[in-house]
Amino acid sequence: MTTKTLTAGNWQGTLKMGLAPRELEATLWAACDMTVKEIGRVMGISPTTAEKRLESARFKLGVKTMRGLVLEAFKRQIITPLVILLCMVITAQQANTEQFSRTRRPSERRIENRVAVHRIEAAQTV
């Protein structure tokens, strides 16, 4: 048995979990922090049709706002963020490069700055 999924932006949604495909797509774009106008433009429909899709999804999940829709869909595991971003973050953390392993010592820099300031002041007074 295979489950069908939709992908929009950085989110992936699972079909046959209570939302119609276009409602799920609109919900995924809402999870990408898009406005109703932007969702309509991306989906190739009018903003009022996009609003109807989101309203239908909100009704099915029992929430009142678009933010509530995204949170409820995430909680019910209808939508999930793509794992690729998580893998990239983990890989970057595991990389043992100079940028990640360098120890910063601001106190030594302060002392060096003080010495340089004293030298400049001494040079100005002479």
PDB file of N, CA and C in Angstrom:
ATOM      1  N   MET A   1       0.842  -1.175   0.000  1.00  0.00           N
ATOM      2  CA  MET A   1       0.000   0.000   0.000  1.00  0.00           C
ATOM      3  C   MET A   1       0.890   1.242   0.000  1.00  0.00           C
ATOM      4  N   THR A   2       0.684   2.099  -0.958  1.00  0.00           N
ATOM      5  CA  THR A   2       1.476   3.317  -1.039  1.00  0.00           C
ATOM      6  C   THR A   2       0.602   4.505  -0.683  1.00  0.00           C
ATOM      7  N   THR A   3       1.199   5.457  -0.007  1.00  0.00           N
ATOM      8  CA  THR A   3       0.475   6.681   0.310  1.00  0.00           C
ATOM      9  C   THR A   3       0.934   7.751  -0.658  1.00  0.00           C
ATOM     10  N   LYS A   4       0.008   8.509  -1.159  1.00  0.00           N
ATOM     11  CA  LYS A   4       0.335   9.561  -2.096  1.00  0.00           C
ATOM     12  C   LYS A   4       0.582  10.848  -1.321  1.00  0.00           C
ATOM     13  N   THR A   5       1.537  11.614  -1.797  1.00  0.00           N
ATOM     14  CA  THR A   5       1.887  12.862  -1.135  1.00  0.00           C
ATOM     15  C   THR A   5       1.919  14.004  -2.137  1.00  0.00           C
ATOM     16  N   LEU A   6       1.744  15.202  -1.618  1.00  0.00           N
ATOM     17  CA  LEU A   6       1.898  16.437  -2.379  1.00  0.00           C
ATOM     18  C   LEU A   6       3.018  17.232  -1.738  1.00  0.00           C
ATOM     19  N   THR A   7       3.767  17.956  -2.535  1.00  0.00           N
ATOM     20  CA  THR A   7       4.831  18.801  -2.018  1.00  0.00           C
ATOM     21  C   THR A   7       4.615  20.224  -2.506  1.00  0.00           C
ATOM     22  N   ALA A   8       4.733  21.167  -1.590  1.00  0.00           N
ATOM     23  CA  ALA A   8       4.621  22.588  -1.925  1.00  0.00           C
ATOM     24  C   ALA A   8       5.604  23.342  -1.047  1.00  0.00           C
ATOM     25  N   GLY A   9       6.531  24.042  -1.676  1.00  0.00           N
ATOM     26  CA  GLY A   9       7.536  24.766  -0.898  1.00  0.00           C
ATOM     27  C   GLY A   9       8.381  23.784  -0.112  1.00  0.00           C
ATOM     28  N   ASN A  10       8.503  24.025   1.169  1.00  0.00           N
ATOM     29  CA  ASN A  10       9.285  23.161   2.058  1.00  0.00           C
ATOM     30  C   ASN A  10       8.407  22.202   2.847  1.00  0.00           C
ATOM     31  N   TRP A  11       7.182  21.968   2.386  1.00  0.00           N
ATOM     32  CA  TRP A  11       6.233  21.134   3.114  1.00  0.00           C
ATOM     33  C   TRP A  11       5.758  19.992   2.243  1.00  0.00           C
ATOM     34  N   GLN A  12       5.416  18.896   2.890  1.00  0.00           N
ATOM     35  CA  GLN A  12       4.891  17.733   2.207  1.00  0.00           C
ATOM     36  C   GLN A  12       3.594  17.334   2.890  1.00  0.00           C
ATOM     37  N   GLY A  13       2.576  17.030   2.092  1.00  0.00           N
ATOM     38  CA  GLY A  13       1.280  16.656   2.635  1.00  0.00           C
ATOM     39  C   GLY A  13       0.872  15.273   2.179  1.00  0.00           C
ATOM     40  N   THR A  14       0.128  14.580   3.029  1.00  0.00           N
ATOM     41  CA  THR A  14      -0.329  13.239   2.729  1.00  0.00           C
ATOM     42  C   THR A  14      -1.795  13.281   2.330  1.00  0.00           C
ATOM     43  N   LEU A  15      -2.108  12.670   1.195  1.00  0.00           N
ATOM     44  CA  LEU A  15      -3.488  12.616   0.723  1.00  0.00           C
ATOM     45  C   LEU A  15      -4.279  11.563   1.488  1.00  0.00           C
ATOM     46  N   LYS A  16      -5.579  11.617   1.359  1.00  0.00           N
ATOM     47  CA  LYS A  16      -6.511  10.662   1.972  1.00  0.00           C
ATOM     48  C   LYS A  16      -6.444  10.682   3.496  1.00  0.00           C
ATOM     49  N   MET A  17      -6.224  11.872   4.057  1.00  0.00           N
ATOM     50  CA  MET A  17      -6.254  12.005   5.512  1.00  0.00           C
ATOM     51  C   MET A  17      -7.290  13.048   5.923  1.00  0.00           C
ATOM     52  N   GLY A  18      -8.274  13.262   5.064  1.00  0.00           N
ATOM     53  CA  GLY A  18      -9.360  14.161   5.427  1.00  0.00           C
ATOM     54  C   GLY A  18      -9.494  15.392   4.551  1.00  0.00           C
ATOM     55  N   LEU A  19      -8.457  15.747   3.807  1.00  0.00           N
ATOM     56  CA  LEU A  19      -8.513  16.927   2.952  1.00  0.00           C
ATOM     57  C   LEU A  19      -8.459  16.513   1.487  1.00  0.00           C
ATOM     58  N   ALA A  20      -9.200  17.250   0.659  1.00  0.00           N
ATOM     59  CA  ALA A  20      -9.146  17.037  -0.784  1.00  0.00           C
ATOM     60  C   ALA A  20      -7.786  17.506  -1.295  1.00  0.00           C
ATOM     61  N   PRO A  21      -7.361  17.034  -2.459  1.00  0.00           N
ATOM     62  CA  PRO A  21      -6.031  17.409  -2.966  1.00  0.00           C
ATOM     63  C   PRO A  21      -5.807  18.919  -3.081  1.00  0.00           C
ATOM     64  N   ARG A  22      -6.785  19.665  -3.586  1.00  0.00           N
ATOM     65  CA  ARG A  22      -6.599  21.117  -3.732  1.00  0.00           C
ATOM     66  C   ARG A  22      -6.642  21.809  -2.372  1.00  0.00           C
ATOM     67  N   GLU A  23      -7.426  21.295  -1.438  1.00  0.00           N
ATOM     68  CA  GLU A  23      -7.424  21.844  -0.072  1.00  0.00           C
ATOM     69  C   GLU A  23      -6.077  21.592   0.587  1.00  0.00           C
ATOM     70  N   LEU A  24      -5.538  20.408   0.379  1.00  0.00           N
ATOM     71  CA  LEU A  24      -4.229  20.080   0.937  1.00  0.00           C
ATOM     72  C   LEU A  24      -3.149  20.967   0.332  1.00  0.00           C
ATOM     73  N   GLU A  25      -3.220  21.171  -0.974  1.00  0.00           N
ATOM     74  CA  GLU A  25      -2.229  22.031  -1.627  1.00  0.00           C
ATOM     75  C   GLU A  25      -2.294  23.459  -1.086  1.00  0.00           C
ATOM     76  N   ALA A  26      -3.498  23.979  -0.920  1.00  0.00           N
ATOM     77  CA  ALA A  26      -3.658  25.327  -0.365  1.00  0.00           C
ATOM     78  C   ALA A  26      -3.133  25.389   1.070  1.00  0.00           C
ATOM     79  N   THR A  27      -3.374  24.334   1.829  1.00  0.00           N
ATOM     80  CA  THR A  27      -2.871  24.281   3.210  1.00  0.00           C
ATOM     81  C   THR A  27      -1.345  24.253   3.228  1.00  0.00           C
ATOM     82  N   LEU A  28      -0.736  23.515   2.305  1.00  0.00           N
ATOM     83  CA  LEU A  28       0.728  23.471   2.236  1.00  0.00           C
ATOM     84  C   LEU A  28       1.296  24.841   1.904  1.00  0.00           C
ATOM     85  N   TRP A  29       0.669  25.564   0.981  1.00  0.00           N
ATOM     86  CA  TRP A  29       1.144  26.903   0.652  1.00  0.00           C
ATOM     87  C   TRP A  29       0.917  27.858   1.819  1.00  0.00           C
ATOM     88  N   ALA A  30      -0.156  27.654   2.574  1.00  0.00           N
ATOM     89  CA  ALA A  30      -0.384  28.474   3.768  1.00  0.00           C
ATOM     90  C   ALA A  30       0.706  28.205   4.800  1.00  0.00           C
ATOM     91  N   ALA A  31       1.169  26.955   4.879  1.00  0.00           N
ATOM     92  CA  ALA A  31       2.261  26.618   5.795  1.00  0.00           C
ATOM     93  C   ALA A  31       3.557  27.296   5.378  1.00  0.00           C
ATOM     94  N   CYS A  32       3.669  27.648   4.096  1.00  0.00           N
ATOM     95  CA  CYS A  32       4.843  28.368   3.596  1.00  0.00           C
ATOM     96  C   CYS A  32       4.720  29.870   3.864  1.00  0.00           C
ATOM     97  N   ASP A  33       3.741  30.268   4.646  1.00  0.00           N
ATOM     98  CA  ASP A  33       3.537  31.661   5.060  1.00  0.00           C
ATOM     99  C   ASP A  33       3.156  32.558   3.883  1.00  0.00           C
ATOM    100  N   MET A  34       2.279  32.057   3.022  1.00  0.00           N
ATOM    101  CA  MET A  34       1.792  32.850   1.900  1.00  0.00           C
ATOM    102  C   MET A  34       0.421  33.426   2.220  1.00  0.00           C
ATOM    103  N   THR A  35       0.120  34.558   1.603  1.00  0.00           N
ATOM    104  CA  THR A  35      -1.205  35.152   1.736  1.00  0.00           C
ATOM    105  C   THR A  35      -2.161  34.443   0.786  1.00  0.00           C
ATOM    106  N   VAL A  36      -3.450  34.745   0.922  1.00  0.00           N
ATOM    107  CA  VAL A  36      -4.458  34.126   0.061  1.00  0.00           C
ATOM    108  C   VAL A  36      -4.213  34.511  -1.396  1.00  0.00           C
ATOM    109  N   LYS A  37      -3.837  35.755  -1.646  1.00  0.00           N
ATOM    110  CA  LYS A  37      -3.548  36.187  -3.018  1.00  0.00           C
ATOM    111  C   LYS A  37      -2.363  35.423  -3.599  1.00  0.00           C
ATOM    112  N   GLU A  38      -1.316  35.259  -2.806  1.00  0.00           N
ATOM    113  CA  GLU A  38      -0.138  34.523  -3.274  1.00  0.00           C
ATOM    114  C   GLU A  38      -0.468  33.052  -3.524  1.00  0.00           C
ATOM    115  N   ILE A  39      -1.289  32.475  -2.654  1.00  0.00           N
ATOM    116  CA  ILE A  39      -1.693  31.078  -2.825  1.00  0.00           C
ATOM    117  C   ILE A  39      -2.478  30.918  -4.121  1.00  0.00           C
ATOM    118  N   GLY A  40      -3.411  31.847  -4.379  1.00  0.00           N
ATOM    119  CA  GLY A  40      -4.179  31.802  -5.613  1.00  0.00           C
ATOM    120  C   GLY A  40      -3.294  31.911  -6.841  1.00  0.00           C
ATOM    121  N   ARG A  41      -2.294  32.801  -6.789  1.00  0.00           N
ATOM    122  CA  ARG A  41      -1.389  32.992  -7.907  1.00  0.00           C
ATOM    123  C   ARG A  41      -0.564  31.719  -8.163  1.00  0.00           C
ATOM    124  N   VAL A  42      -0.054  31.107  -7.107  1.00  0.00           N
ATOM    125  CA  VAL A  42       0.781  29.913  -7.256  1.00  0.00           C
ATOM    126  C   VAL A  42      -0.051  28.728  -7.747  1.00  0.00           C
ATOM    127  N   MET A  43      -1.279  28.607  -7.261  1.00  0.00           N
ATOM    128  CA  MET A  43      -2.130  27.488  -7.645  1.00  0.00           C
ATOM    129  C   MET A  43      -2.819  27.713  -8.992  1.00  0.00           C
ATOM    130  N   GLY A  44      -2.745  28.928  -9.533  1.00  0.00           N
ATOM    131  CA  GLY A  44      -3.380  29.226 -10.814  1.00  0.00           C
ATOM    132  C   GLY A  44      -4.881  29.401 -10.714  1.00  0.00           C
ATOM    133  N   ILE A  45      -5.351  29.868  -9.551  1.00  0.00           N
ATOM    134  CA  ILE A  45      -6.776  30.102  -9.333  1.00  0.00           C
ATOM    135  C   ILE A  45      -6.960  31.513  -8.785  1.00  0.00           C
ATOM    136  N   SER A  46      -8.204  31.956  -8.729  1.00  0.00           N
ATOM    137  CA  SER A  46      -8.456  33.295  -8.204  1.00  0.00           C
ATOM    138  C   SER A  46      -8.299  33.284  -6.679  1.00  0.00           C
ATOM    139  N   PRO A  47      -8.040  34.459  -6.082  1.00  0.00           N
ATOM    140  CA  PRO A  47      -7.923  34.522  -4.625  1.00  0.00           C
ATOM    141  C   PRO A  47      -9.193  34.074  -3.901  1.00  0.00           C
ATOM    142  N   THR A  48     -10.361  34.340  -4.494  1.00  0.00           N
ATOM    143  CA  THR A  48     -11.603  33.897  -3.835  1.00  0.00           C
ATOM    144  C   THR A  48     -11.722  32.376  -3.848  1.00  0.00           C
ATOM    145  N   THR A  49     -11.287  31.740  -4.924  1.00  0.00           N
ATOM    146  CA  THR A  49     -11.297  30.274  -4.966  1.00  0.00           C
ATOM    147  C   THR A  49     -10.297  29.711  -3.972  1.00  0.00           C
ATOM    148  N   ALA A  50      -9.138  30.348  -3.862  1.00  0.00           N
ATOM    149  CA  ALA A  50      -8.137  29.913  -2.873  1.00  0.00           C
ATOM    150  C   ALA A  50      -8.706  30.056  -1.465  1.00  0.00           C
ATOM    151  N   GLU A  51      -9.411  31.141  -1.225  1.00  0.00           N
ATOM    152  CA  GLU A  51     -10.024  31.351   0.094  1.00  0.00           C
ATOM    153  C   GLU A  51     -11.072  30.273   0.371  1.00  0.00           C
ATOM    154  N   LYS A  52     -11.840  29.886  -0.655  1.00  0.00           N
ATOM    155  CA  LYS A  52     -12.841  28.823  -0.477  1.00  0.00           C
ATOM    156  C   LYS A  52     -12.178  27.493  -0.151  1.00  0.00           C
ATOM    157  N   ARG A  53     -11.056  27.199  -0.807  1.00  0.00           N
ATOM    158  CA  ARG A  53     -10.323  25.958  -0.511  1.00  0.00           C
ATOM    159  C   ARG A  53      -9.832  25.954   0.937  1.00  0.00           C
ATOM    160  N   LEU A  54      -9.269  27.081   1.359  1.00  0.00           N
ATOM    161  CA  LEU A  54      -8.775  27.183   2.739  1.00  0.00           C
ATOM    162  C   LEU A  54      -9.932  27.134   3.740  1.00  0.00           C
ATOM    163  N   GLU A  55     -11.042  27.776   3.399  1.00  0.00           N
ATOM    164  CA  GLU A  55     -12.198  27.770   4.292  1.00  0.00           C
ATOM    165  C   GLU A  55     -12.746  26.354   4.451  1.00  0.00           C
ATOM    166  N   SER A  56     -12.796  25.610   3.363  1.00  0.00           N
ATOM    167  CA  SER A  56     -13.257  24.227   3.411  1.00  0.00           C
ATOM    168  C   SER A  56     -12.318  23.370   4.262  1.00  0.00           C
ATOM    169  N   ALA A  57     -11.018  23.581   4.103  1.00  0.00           N
ATOM    170  CA  ALA A  57     -10.039  22.832   4.911  1.00  0.00           C
ATOM    171  C   ALA A  57     -10.164  23.202   6.383  1.00  0.00           C
ATOM    172  N   ARG A  58     -10.363  24.490   6.666  1.00  0.00           N
ATOM    173  CA  ARG A  58     -10.541  24.924   8.066  1.00  0.00           C
ATOM    174  C   ARG A  58     -11.778  24.276   8.679  1.00  0.00           C
ATOM    175  N   PHE A  59     -12.867  24.225   7.892  1.00  0.00           N
ATOM    176  CA  PHE A  59     -14.105  23.609   8.389  1.00  0.00           C
ATOM    177  C   PHE A  59     -13.886  22.125   8.690  1.00  0.00           C
ATOM    178  N   LYS A  60     -13.210  21.412   7.792  1.00  0.00           N
ATOM    179  CA  LYS A  60     -12.981  19.981   7.980  1.00  0.00           C
ATOM    180  C   LYS A  60     -12.123  19.686   9.206  1.00  0.00           C
ATOM    181  N   LEU A  61     -11.176  20.578   9.489  1.00  0.00           N
ATOM    182  CA  LEU A  61     -10.291  20.355  10.639  1.00  0.00           C
ATOM    183  C   LEU A  61     -10.795  21.045  11.905  1.00  0.00           C
ATOM    184  N   GLY A  62     -11.861  21.836  11.773  1.00  0.00           N
ATOM    185  CA  GLY A  62     -12.485  22.454  12.951  1.00  0.00           C
ATOM    186  C   GLY A  62     -11.709  23.613  13.541  1.00  0.00           C
ATOM    187  N   VAL A  63     -11.121  24.441  12.699  1.00  0.00           N
ATOM    188  CA  VAL A  63     -10.377  25.610  13.180  1.00  0.00           C
ATOM    189  C   VAL A  63     -10.919  26.869  12.525  1.00  0.00           C
ATOM    190  N   LYS A  64     -10.551  28.019  13.066  1.00  0.00           N
ATOM    191  CA  LYS A  64     -11.110  29.280  12.581  1.00  0.00           C
ATOM    192  C   LYS A  64     -10.147  30.113  11.750  1.00  0.00           C
ATOM    193  N   THR A  65      -8.849  29.974  11.976  1.00  0.00           N
ATOM    194  CA  THR A  65      -7.873  30.831  11.302  1.00  0.00           C
ATOM    195  C   THR A  65      -6.941  29.998  10.422  1.00  0.00           C
ATOM    196  N   MET A  66      -6.228  30.689   9.543  1.00  0.00           N
ATOM    197  CA  MET A  66      -5.272  30.003   8.677  1.00  0.00           C
ATOM    198  C   MET A  66      -4.118  29.444   9.513  1.00  0.00           C
ATOM    199  N   ARG A  67      -3.690  30.179  10.516  1.00  0.00           N
ATOM    200  CA  ARG A  67      -2.632  29.675  11.393  1.00  0.00           C
ATOM    201  C   ARG A  67      -3.102  28.423  12.119  1.00  0.00           C
ATOM    202  N   GLY A  68      -4.348  28.445  12.582  1.00  0.00           N
ATOM    203  CA  GLY A  68      -4.917  27.272  13.234  1.00  0.00           C
ATOM    204  C   GLY A  68      -4.996  26.088  12.294  1.00  0.00           C
ATOM    205  N   LEU A  69      -5.294  26.358  11.016  1.00  0.00           N
ATOM    206  CA  LEU A  69      -5.352  25.301  10.009  1.00  0.00           C
ATOM    207  C   LEU A  69      -3.994  24.621   9.868  1.00  0.00           C
ATOM    208  N   VAL A  70      -2.946  25.419   9.750  1.00  0.00           N
ATOM    209  CA  VAL A  70      -1.602  24.857   9.592  1.00  0.00           C
ATOM    210  C   VAL A  70      -1.193  24.075  10.837  1.00  0.00           C
ATOM    211  N   LEU A  71      -1.461  24.623  11.998  1.00  0.00           N
ATOM    212  CA  LEU A  71      -1.096  23.928  13.243  1.00  0.00           C
ATOM    213  C   LEU A  71      -1.854  22.619  13.408  1.00  0.00           C
ATOM    214  N   GLU A  72      -3.145  22.637  13.116  1.00  0.00           N
ATOM    215  CA  GLU A  72      -3.941  21.418  13.260  1.00  0.00           C
ATOM    216  C   GLU A  72      -3.525  20.368  12.243  1.00  0.00           C
ATOM    217  N   ALA A  73      -3.259  20.782  11.012  1.00  0.00           N
ATOM    218  CA  ALA A  73      -2.803  19.831   9.992  1.00  0.00           C
ATOM    219  C   ALA A  73      -1.453  19.235  10.382  1.00  0.00           C
ATOM    220  N   PHE A  74      -0.574  20.050  10.959  1.00  0.00           N
ATOM    221  CA  PHE A  74       0.724  19.552  11.424  1.00  0.00           C
ATOM    222  C   PHE A  74       0.533  18.586  12.589  1.00  0.00           C
ATOM    223  N   LYS A  75      -0.357  18.938  13.510  1.00  0.00           N
ATOM    224  CA  LYS A  75      -0.594  18.093  14.675  1.00  0.00           C
ATOM    225  C   LYS A  75      -1.173  16.739  14.274  1.00  0.00           C
ATOM    226  N   ARG A  76      -2.057  16.734  13.275  1.00  0.00           N
ATOM    227  CA  ARG A  76      -2.654  15.481  12.800  1.00  0.00           C
ATOM    228  C   ARG A  76      -1.748  14.745  11.806  1.00  0.00           C
ATOM    229  N   GLN A  77      -0.576  15.272  11.565  1.00  0.00           N
ATOM    230  CA  GLN A  77       0.425  14.708  10.656  1.00  0.00           C
ATOM    231  C   GLN A  77      -0.082  14.614   9.223  1.00  0.00           C
ATOM    232  N   ILE A  78      -0.947  15.558   8.850  1.00  0.00           N
ATOM    233  CA  ILE A  78      -1.380  15.664   7.462  1.00  0.00           C
ATOM    234  C   ILE A  78      -0.284  16.344   6.658  1.00  0.00           C
ATOM    235  N   ILE A  79       0.386  17.315   7.271  1.00  0.00           N
ATOM    236  CA  ILE A  79       1.510  17.986   6.623  1.00  0.00           C
ATOM    237  C   ILE A  79       2.741  17.850   7.512  1.00  0.00           C
ATOM    238  N   THR A  80       3.909  17.794   6.862  1.00  0.00           N
ATOM    239  CA  THR A  80       5.176  17.725   7.584  1.00  0.00           C
ATOM    240  C   THR A  80       6.223  18.521   6.812  1.00  0.00           C
ATOM    241  N   PRO A  81       7.185  19.128   7.524  1.00  0.00           N
ATOM    242  CA  PRO A  81       8.268  19.813   6.807  1.00  0.00           C
ATOM    243  C   PRO A  81       9.158  18.795   6.113  1.00  0.00           C
ATOM    244  N   LEU A  82       9.752  19.208   5.015  1.00  0.00           N
ATOM    245  CA  LEU A  82      10.625  18.295   4.291  1.00  0.00           C
ATOM    246  C   LEU A  82      11.863  17.982   5.107  1.00  0.00           C
ATOM    247  N   VAL A  83      12.318  16.776   5.029  1.00  0.00           N
ATOM    248  CA  VAL A  83      13.448  16.294   5.820  1.00  0.00           C
ATOM    249  C   VAL A  83      14.772  16.809   5.265  1.00  0.00           C
ATOM    250  N   ILE A  84      14.777  17.262   4.027  1.00  0.00           N
ATOM    251  CA  ILE A  84      16.029  17.702   3.406  1.00  0.00           C
ATOM    252  C   ILE A  84      16.672  18.824   4.212  1.00  0.00           C
ATOM    253  N   LEU A  85      15.876  19.775   4.675  1.00  0.00           N
ATOM    254  CA  LEU A  85      16.433  20.874   5.465  1.00  0.00           C
ATOM    255  C   LEU A  85      17.056  20.363   6.759  1.00  0.00           C
ATOM    256  N   LEU A  86      16.377  19.426   7.394  1.00  0.00           N
ATOM    257  CA  LEU A  86      16.905  18.858   8.628  1.00  0.00           C
ATOM    258  C   LEU A  86      18.229  18.154   8.383  1.00  0.00           C
ATOM    259  N   CYS A  87      18.316  17.415   7.274  1.00  0.00           N
ATOM    260  CA  CYS A  87      19.564  16.726   6.939  1.00  0.00           C
ATOM    261  C   CYS A  87      20.697  17.716   6.696  1.00  0.00           C
ATOM    262  N   MET A  88      20.381  18.837   6.046  1.00  0.00           N
ATOM    263  CA  MET A  88      21.408  19.842   5.787  1.00  0.00           C
ATOM    264  C   MET A  88      21.926  20.440   7.090  1.00  0.00           C
ATOM    265  N   VAL A  89      21.042  20.704   8.032  1.00  0.00           N
ATOM    266  CA  VAL A  89      21.456  21.274   9.309  1.00  0.00           C
ATOM    267  C   VAL A  89      22.323  20.286  10.081  1.00  0.00           C
ATOM    268  N   ILE A  90      21.915  19.039  10.103  1.00  0.00           N
ATOM    269  CA  ILE A  90      22.692  18.024  10.823  1.00  0.00           C
ATOM    270  C   ILE A  90      24.068  17.852  10.190  1.00  0.00           C
ATOM    271  N   THR A  91      24.123  17.839   8.868  1.00  0.00           N
ATOM    272  CA  THR A  91      25.402  17.698   8.173  1.00  0.00           C
ATOM    273  C   THR A  91      26.317  18.877   8.489  1.00  0.00           C
ATOM    274  N   ALA A  92      25.764  20.073   8.507  1.00  0.00           N
ATOM    275  CA  ALA A  92      26.567  21.255   8.806  1.00  0.00           C
ATOM    276  C   ALA A  92      27.086  21.215  10.240  1.00  0.00           C
ATOM    277  N   GLN A  93      26.280  20.710  11.165  1.00  0.00           N
ATOM    278  CA  GLN A  93      26.723  20.627  12.554  1.00  0.00           C
ATOM    279  C   GLN A  93      27.799  19.577  12.742  1.00  0.00           C
ATOM    280  N   GLN A  94      27.716  18.516  11.970  1.00  0.00           N
ATOM    281  CA  GLN A  94      28.695  17.448  12.111  1.00  0.00           C
ATOM    282  C   GLN A  94      30.007  17.751  11.404  1.00  0.00           C
ATOM    283  N   ALA A  95      29.967  18.678  10.461  1.00  0.00           N
ATOM    284  CA  ALA A  95      31.194  19.021   9.731  1.00  0.00           C
ATOM    285  C   ALA A  95      32.179  19.645  10.706  1.00  0.00           C
ATOM    286  N   ASN A  96      33.371  19.122  10.711  1.00  0.00           N
ATOM    287  CA  ASN A  96      34.388  19.619  11.635  1.00  0.00           C
ATOM    288  C   ASN A  96      35.273  20.613  10.888  1.00  0.00           C
ATOM    289  N   THR A  97      34.691  21.781  10.602  1.00  0.00           N
ATOM    290  CA  THR A  97      35.446  22.807   9.899  1.00  0.00           C
ATOM    291  C   THR A  97      35.928  23.845  10.880  1.00  0.00           C
ATOM    292  N   GLU A  98      36.835  24.662  10.425  1.00  0.00           N
ATOM    293  CA  GLU A  98      37.383  25.707  11.287  1.00  0.00           C
ATOM    294  C   GLU A  98      36.305  26.677  11.745  1.00  0.00           C
ATOM    295  N   GLN A  99      35.348  26.939  10.873  1.00  0.00           N
ATOM    296  CA  GLN A  99      34.290  27.886  11.215  1.00  0.00           C
ATOM    297  C   GLN A  99      33.485  27.399  12.417  1.00  0.00           C
ATOM    298  N   PHE A 100      33.199  26.072  12.483  1.00  0.00           N
ATOM    299  CA  PHE A 100      32.369  25.554  13.550  1.00  0.00           C
ATOM    300  C   PHE A 100      33.164  25.228  14.808  1.00  0.00           C
ATOM    301  N   SER A 101      34.449  24.899  14.668  1.00  0.00           N
ATOM    302  CA  SER A 101      35.214  24.469  15.830  1.00  0.00           C
ATOM    303  C   SER A 101      36.117  25.557  16.399  1.00  0.00           C
ATOM    304  N   ARG A 102      36.127  26.722  15.807  1.00  0.00           N
ATOM    305  CA  ARG A 102      37.021  27.783  16.268  1.00  0.00           C
ATOM    306  C   ARG A 102      36.562  28.312  17.624  1.00  0.00           C
ATOM    307  N   THR A 103      37.506  28.446  18.542  1.00  0.00           N
ATOM    308  CA  THR A 103      37.212  28.985  19.857  1.00  0.00           C
ATOM    309  C   THR A 103      37.402  30.492  19.814  1.00  0.00           C
ATOM    310  N   ARG A 104      36.415  31.191  20.271  1.00  0.00           N
ATOM    311  CA  ARG A 104      36.480  32.654  20.263  1.00  0.00           C
ATOM    312  C   ARG A 104      36.867  33.139  21.657  1.00  0.00           C
ATOM    313  N   ARG A 105      37.818  34.049  21.695  1.00  0.00           N
ATOM    314  CA  ARG A 105      38.282  34.581  22.964  1.00  0.00           C
ATOM    315  C   ARG A 105      38.216  36.103  22.931  1.00  0.00           C
ATOM    316  N   PRO A 106      37.059  36.679  23.239  1.00  0.00           N
ATOM    317  CA  PRO A 106      36.929  38.133  23.168  1.00  0.00           C
ATOM    318  C   PRO A 106      37.747  38.860  24.234  1.00  0.00           C
ATOM    319  N   SER A 107      38.035  38.216  25.362  1.00  0.00           N
ATOM    320  CA  SER A 107      38.787  38.893  26.406  1.00  0.00           C
ATOM    321  C   SER A 107      40.208  39.225  25.938  1.00  0.00           C
ATOM    322  N   GLU A 108      40.844  38.319  25.167  1.00  0.00           N
ATOM    323  CA  GLU A 108      42.189  38.584  24.661  1.00  0.00           C
ATOM    324  C   GLU A 108      42.169  39.737  23.668  1.00  0.00           C
ATOM    325  N   ARG A 109      41.134  39.813  22.869  1.00  0.00           N
ATOM    326  CA  ARG A 109      41.017  40.902  21.897  1.00  0.00           C
ATOM    327  C   ARG A 109      40.888  42.248  22.613  1.00  0.00           C
ATOM    328  N   ARG A 110      40.161  42.261  23.712  1.00  0.00           N
ATOM    329  CA  ARG A 110      40.017  43.494  24.478  1.00  0.00           C
ATOM    330  C   ARG A 110      41.362  43.980  25.003  1.00  0.00           C
ATOM    331  N   ILE A 111      42.165  43.049  25.487  1.00  0.00           N
ATOM    332  CA  ILE A 111      43.481  43.412  26.005  1.00  0.00           C
ATOM    333  C   ILE A 111      44.353  43.957  24.882  1.00  0.00           C
ATOM    334  N   GLU A 112      44.312  43.292  23.717  1.00  0.00           N
ATOM    335  CA  GLU A 112      45.085  43.770  22.576  1.00  0.00           C
ATOM    336  C   GLU A 112      44.627  45.166  22.163  1.00  0.00           C
ATOM    337  N   ASN A 113      43.334  45.409  22.189  1.00  0.00           N
ATOM    338  CA  ASN A 113      42.815  46.734  21.834  1.00  0.00           C
ATOM    339  C   ASN A 113      43.293  47.794  22.821  1.00  0.00           C
ATOM    340  N   ARG A 114      43.320  47.446  24.104  1.00  0.00           N
ATOM    341  CA  ARG A 114      43.769  48.407  25.121  1.00  0.00           C
ATOM    342  C   ARG A 114      45.234  48.772  24.903  1.00  0.00           C
ATOM    343  N   VAL A 115      46.057  47.770  24.606  1.00  0.00           N
ATOM    344  CA  VAL A 115      47.477  48.020  24.371  1.00  0.00           C
ATOM    345  C   VAL A 115      47.642  48.931  23.163  1.00  0.00           C
ATOM    346  N   ALA A 116      46.898  48.676  22.108  1.00  0.00           N
ATOM    347  CA  ALA A 116      46.984  49.504  20.905  1.00  0.00           C
ATOM    348  C   ALA A 116      46.533  50.930  21.203  1.00  0.00           C
ATOM    349  N   VAL A 117      45.498  51.097  21.993  1.00  0.00           N
ATOM    350  CA  VAL A 117      45.010  52.437  22.341  1.00  0.00           C
ATOM    351  C   VAL A 117      46.061  53.177  23.160  1.00  0.00           C
ATOM    352  N   HIS A 118      46.688  52.482  24.109  1.00  0.00           N
ATOM    353  CA  HIS A 118      47.727  53.110  24.919  1.00  0.00           C
ATOM    354  C   HIS A 118      48.907  53.548  24.051  1.00  0.00           C
ATOM    355  N   ARG A 119      49.283  52.748  23.071  1.00  0.00           N
ATOM    356  CA  ARG A 119      50.376  53.115  22.178  1.00  0.00           C
ATOM    357  C   ARG A 119      50.014  54.357  21.366  1.00  0.00           C
ATOM    358  N   ILE A 120      48.776  54.420  20.880  1.00  0.00           N
ATOM    359  CA  ILE A 120      48.344  55.586  20.088  1.00  0.00           C
ATOM    360  C   ILE A 120      48.341  56.827  20.980  1.00  0.00           C
ATOM    361  N   GLU A 121      47.836  56.702  22.211  1.00  0.00           N
ATOM    362  CA  GLU A 121      47.796  57.863  23.123  1.00  0.00           C
ATOM    363  C   GLU A 121      49.214  58.326  23.459  1.00  0.00           C
ATOM    364  N   ALA A 122      50.112  57.351  23.669  1.00  0.00           N
ATOM    365  CA  ALA A 122      51.495  57.704  23.990  1.00  0.00           C
ATOM    366  C   ALA A 122      52.149  58.415  22.796  1.00  0.00           C
ATOM    367  N   ALA A 123      51.861  57.974  21.606  1.00  0.00           N
ATOM    368  CA  ALA A 123      52.429  58.594  20.407  1.00  0.00           C
ATOM    369  C   ALA A 123      51.899  60.009  20.209  1.00  0.00           C
ATOM    370  N   GLN A 124      50.652  60.254  20.590  1.00  0.00           N
ATOM    371  CA  GLN A 124      50.048  61.578  20.413  1.00  0.00           C
ATOM    372  C   GLN A 124      50.576  62.595  21.433  1.00  0.00           C
ATOM    373  N   THR A 125      50.925  62.121  22.614  1.00  0.00           N
ATOM    374  CA  THR A 125      51.395  63.029  23.658  1.00  0.00           C
ATOM    375  C   THR A 125      52.848  63.460  23.458  1.00  0.00           C
ATOM    376  N   VAL A 126      53.616  62.711  22.703  1.00  0.00           N
ATOM    377  CA  VAL A 126      55.039  63.011  22.498  1.00  0.00           C
ATOM    378  C   VAL A 126      55.223  64.102  21.498  1.00  0.00           C
TER     379      VAL A 126
END
